[in-house]
């Protein structure tokens, strides 16, 4: 029985391993040096890319129709996403670019009111500036829509005001004829 156990276990000869490593020391040093230089080269040439995200909430305006105010969104999120994707995706600035524009449904209902914008850039500022360009464009377009809506409201209110004046003058004429 003892012979069975003694044959299973062998001594590890550390000197043998060290001697074999010592014989190939130049190869070990060369491989280690090559891997270190290669890793240093790649690490020094990696350009950091920064990511920014923005959430654009689509605003609403009031429209007067048949004497009632209707609340309407300035844009449909899916239409706005399509338009912005066409204009901004694939237009790479040397420092910052838009990576993705998609509809974001925050309240988990079927109302689309948010647009998520993701950008990347060579610095945090250039990444954020890419999103600012999109937001400035949307603000300009929505500002035009609001101005148009405001003008239509003023015209509608002017017509209502003229109708009230016409009714008041008719009422005054009728009252003055009776008196």
Foldseek 3Di string as FASTA:
>chain_A
DVVVVVVVDDDDDVVVVVVVCVVCVVVVVVVVVVVVVVVVVVVVPDQDKDKDKDKDFFAWDWAADPNDTDIGTLDQLVVLQVVCCVVFPPPDDQFKGWDHKAFDDPVPDPRTTMIMTMMMGSDPVRHVVNVVVSVVVVCVSSVVVVVVRVVVVVVVVVVVVVVVVVVVVVVVVVVVVVD
